[in-house]
C-alpha atoms as a PDB file:
ATOM      1  CA  UNK A   1      16.519 -35.967   1.698  1.00  0.00           C
ATOM      2  CA  UNK A   2      13.575 -33.565   1.467  1.00  0.00           C
ATOM      3  CA  UNK A   3      11.762 -35.896  -0.913  1.00  0.00           C
ATOM      4  CA  UNK A   4      12.105 -38.815   1.472  1.00  0.00           C
ATOM      5  CA  UNK A   5      10.737 -36.681   4.331  1.00  0.00           C
ATOM      6  CA  UNK A   6       7.804 -35.521   2.168  1.00  0.00           C
ATOM      7  CA  UNK A   7       7.007 -39.111   1.162  1.00  0.00           C
ATOM      8  CA  UNK A   8       7.167 -40.293   4.776  1.00  0.00           C
ATOM      9  CA  UNK A   9       4.832 -37.517   5.851  1.00  0.00           C
ATOM     10  CA  UNK A  10       2.402 -38.291   3.037  1.00  0.00           C
ATOM     11  CA  UNK A  11       2.414 -41.964   4.016  1.00  0.00           C
ATOM     12  CA  UNK A  12       1.823 -41.299   7.708  1.00  0.00           C
ATOM     13  CA  UNK A  13      -0.462 -38.239   7.460  1.00  0.00           C
ATOM     14  CA  UNK A  14      -2.136 -38.318   4.026  1.00  0.00           C
ATOM     15  CA  UNK A  15      -4.886 -35.900   5.106  1.00  0.00           C
ATOM     16  CA  UNK A  16      -2.237 -33.220   5.703  1.00  0.00           C
ATOM     17  CA  UNK A  17      -0.871 -33.423   2.145  1.00  0.00           C
ATOM     18  CA  UNK A  18      -2.571 -32.151  -1.002  1.00  0.00           C
ATOM     19  CA  UNK A  19       0.336 -32.374  -3.447  1.00  0.00           C
ATOM     20  CA  UNK A  20       3.968 -33.374  -3.580  1.00  0.00           C
ATOM     21  CA  UNK A  21       6.415 -32.409  -6.301  1.00  0.00           C
ATOM     22  CA  UNK A  22       9.454 -34.682  -6.360  1.00  0.00           C
ATOM     23  CA  UNK A  23      12.499 -34.563  -8.580  1.00  0.00           C
ATOM     24  CA  UNK A  24      14.802 -37.581  -8.520  1.00  0.00           C
ATOM     25  CA  UNK A  25      13.843 -38.226  -4.946  1.00  0.00           C
ATOM     26  CA  UNK A  26      15.033 -41.085  -2.810  1.00  0.00           C
ATOM     27  CA  UNK A  27      12.284 -43.542  -2.096  1.00  0.00           C
ATOM     28  CA  UNK A  28      10.815 -43.375  -5.583  1.00  0.00           C
ATOM     29  CA  UNK A  29      11.822 -45.983  -8.154  1.00  0.00           C
ATOM     30  CA  UNK A  30      13.079 -44.301 -11.314  1.00  0.00           C
ATOM     31  CA  UNK A  31      15.298 -45.057 -14.256  1.00  0.00           C
ATOM     32  CA  UNK A  32      18.772 -43.579 -13.985  1.00  0.00           C
ATOM     33  CA  UNK A  33      18.809 -40.523 -16.290  1.00  0.00           C
ATOM     34  CA  UNK A  34      21.689 -40.530 -18.798  1.00  0.00           C
ATOM     35  CA  UNK A  35      23.086 -37.260 -17.422  1.00  0.00           C
ATOM     36  CA  UNK A  36      23.188 -38.553 -13.867  1.00  0.00           C
ATOM     37  CA  UNK A  37      24.799 -41.756 -15.086  1.00  0.00           C
ATOM     38  CA  UNK A  38      27.479 -39.645 -16.800  1.00  0.00           C
ATOM     39  CA  UNK A  39      28.123 -37.605 -13.647  1.00  0.00           C
ATOM     40  CA  UNK A  40      28.303 -40.683 -11.431  1.00  0.00           C
ATOM     41  CA  UNK A  41      30.541 -42.438 -13.943  1.00  0.00           C
ATOM     42  CA  UNK A  42      32.973 -39.527 -14.340  1.00  0.00           C
ATOM     43  CA  UNK A  43      36.620 -40.465 -14.402  1.00  0.00           C
ATOM     44  CA  UNK A  44      39.161 -37.634 -14.530  1.00  0.00           C
ATOM     45  CA  UNK A  45      39.853 -36.448 -18.057  1.00  0.00           C
ATOM     46  CA  UNK A  46      39.696 -33.060 -19.769  1.00  0.00           C
ATOM     47  CA  UNK A  47      37.038 -34.037 -22.314  1.00  0.00           C
ATOM     48  CA  UNK A  48      35.093 -36.026 -19.710  1.00  0.00           C
ATOM     49  CA  UNK A  49      35.064 -32.914 -17.501  1.00  0.00           C
ATOM     50  CA  UNK A  50      33.879 -30.797 -20.439  1.00  0.00           C
ATOM     51  CA  UNK A  51      30.968 -33.211 -20.942  1.00  0.00           C
ATOM     52  CA  UNK A  52      30.019 -33.196 -17.248  1.00  0.00           C
ATOM     53  CA  UNK A  53      30.130 -29.397 -17.044  1.00  0.00           C
ATOM     54  CA  UNK A  54      28.011 -29.291 -20.202  1.00  0.00           C
ATOM     55  CA  UNK A  55      25.280 -31.224 -18.413  1.00  0.00           C
ATOM     56  CA  UNK A  56      24.883 -28.377 -15.926  1.00  0.00           C
ATOM     57  CA  UNK A  57      25.455 -25.310 -18.105  1.00  0.00           C
ATOM     58  CA  UNK A  58      22.462 -23.555 -19.594  1.00  0.00           C
ATOM     59  CA  UNK A  59      24.773 -21.227 -21.536  1.00  0.00           C
ATOM     60  CA  UNK A  60      27.494 -23.389 -23.032  1.00  0.00           C
ATOM     61  CA  UNK A  61      29.473 -20.316 -24.074  1.00  0.00           C
ATOM     62  CA  UNK A  62      30.480 -20.084 -20.403  1.00  0.00           C
ATOM     63  CA  UNK A  63      32.344 -23.393 -20.644  1.00  0.00           C
ATOM     64  CA  UNK A  64      35.800 -22.075 -21.382  1.00  0.00           C
ATOM     65  CA  UNK A  65      38.974 -24.089 -21.755  1.00  0.00           C
ATOM     66  CA  UNK A  66      40.255 -22.427 -18.560  1.00  0.00           C
ATOM     67  CA  UNK A  67      37.144 -23.497 -16.616  1.00  0.00           C
ATOM     68  CA  UNK A  68      37.388 -27.064 -17.890  1.00  0.00           C
ATOM     69  CA  UNK A  69      41.094 -27.249 -17.087  1.00  0.00           C
ATOM     70  CA  UNK A  70      40.554 -25.814 -13.570  1.00  0.00           C
ATOM     71  CA  UNK A  71      37.744 -28.275 -12.761  1.00  0.00           C
ATOM     72  CA  UNK A  72      39.687 -31.166 -14.307  1.00  0.00           C
ATOM     73  CA  UNK A  73      42.770 -30.358 -12.210  1.00  0.00           C
ATOM     74  CA  UNK A  74      40.617 -30.277  -9.061  1.00  0.00           C
ATOM     75  CA  UNK A  75      39.181 -33.696  -9.968  1.00  0.00           C
ATOM     76  CA  UNK A  76      42.676 -35.191 -10.257  1.00  0.00           C
ATOM     77  CA  UNK A  77      43.372 -34.905  -6.523  1.00  0.00           C
ATOM     78  CA  UNK A  78      42.653 -38.510  -5.446  1.00  0.00           C
ATOM     79  CA  UNK A  79      41.610 -37.686  -1.871  1.00  0.00           C
ATOM     80  CA  UNK A  80      39.213 -34.920  -2.907  1.00  0.00           C
ATOM     81  CA  UNK A  81      37.900 -36.937  -5.847  1.00  0.00           C
ATOM     82  CA  UNK A  82      37.086 -39.966  -3.688  1.00  0.00           C
ATOM     83  CA  UNK A  83      35.494 -37.831  -0.959  1.00  0.00           C
ATOM     84  CA  UNK A  84      33.089 -36.403  -3.521  1.00  0.00           C
ATOM     85  CA  UNK A  85      32.528 -39.438  -5.739  1.00  0.00           C
ATOM     86  CA  UNK A  86      32.440 -42.388  -3.328  1.00  0.00           C
ATOM     87  CA  UNK A  87      28.876 -41.838  -2.041  1.00  0.00           C
ATOM     88  CA  UNK A  88      27.625 -41.465  -5.625  1.00  0.00           C
ATOM     89  CA  UNK A  89      29.302 -44.677  -6.774  1.00  0.00           C
ATOM     90  CA  UNK A  90      27.401 -46.666  -4.141  1.00  0.00           C
ATOM     91  CA  UNK A  91      24.113 -44.996  -5.085  1.00  0.00           C
ATOM     92  CA  UNK A  92      24.743 -45.597  -8.787  1.00  0.00           C
ATOM     93  CA  UNK A  93      25.463 -49.282  -8.154  1.00  0.00           C
ATOM     94  CA  UNK A  94      22.246 -49.670  -6.164  1.00  0.00           C
ATOM     95  CA  UNK A  95      20.193 -47.855  -8.797  1.00  0.00           C
ATOM     96  CA  UNK A  96      21.618 -49.897 -11.657  1.00  0.00           C
ATOM     97  CA  UNK A  97      21.052 -53.134  -9.715  1.00  0.00           C
ATOM     98  CA  UNK A  98      17.423 -52.168  -9.083  1.00  0.00           C
ATOM     99  CA  UNK A  99      16.921 -51.462 -12.806  1.00  0.00           C
ATOM    100  CA  UNK A 100      18.261 -54.873 -13.845  1.00  0.00           C
END
């Protein structure tokens, strides 16, 4: 949301802004990065969870079987999974439609 606020301010008060640094901000057309596509497309599975965790880990030696199993088990709870994933599914659909 910060990127959208910064863009709105720059559009309405350009003299007040010298620079803006945005990263994947709403309001800016961008191709869907492969990593984000993988996160948004996650479906519960041990190896799928290992791949998603790998997208965020700088030190992959920290990705233990126990960590993967714990995160996978948490993602199997349908109510929790949908609460977290549902907003991203809508955003992913809109982004992919805009790219087409």
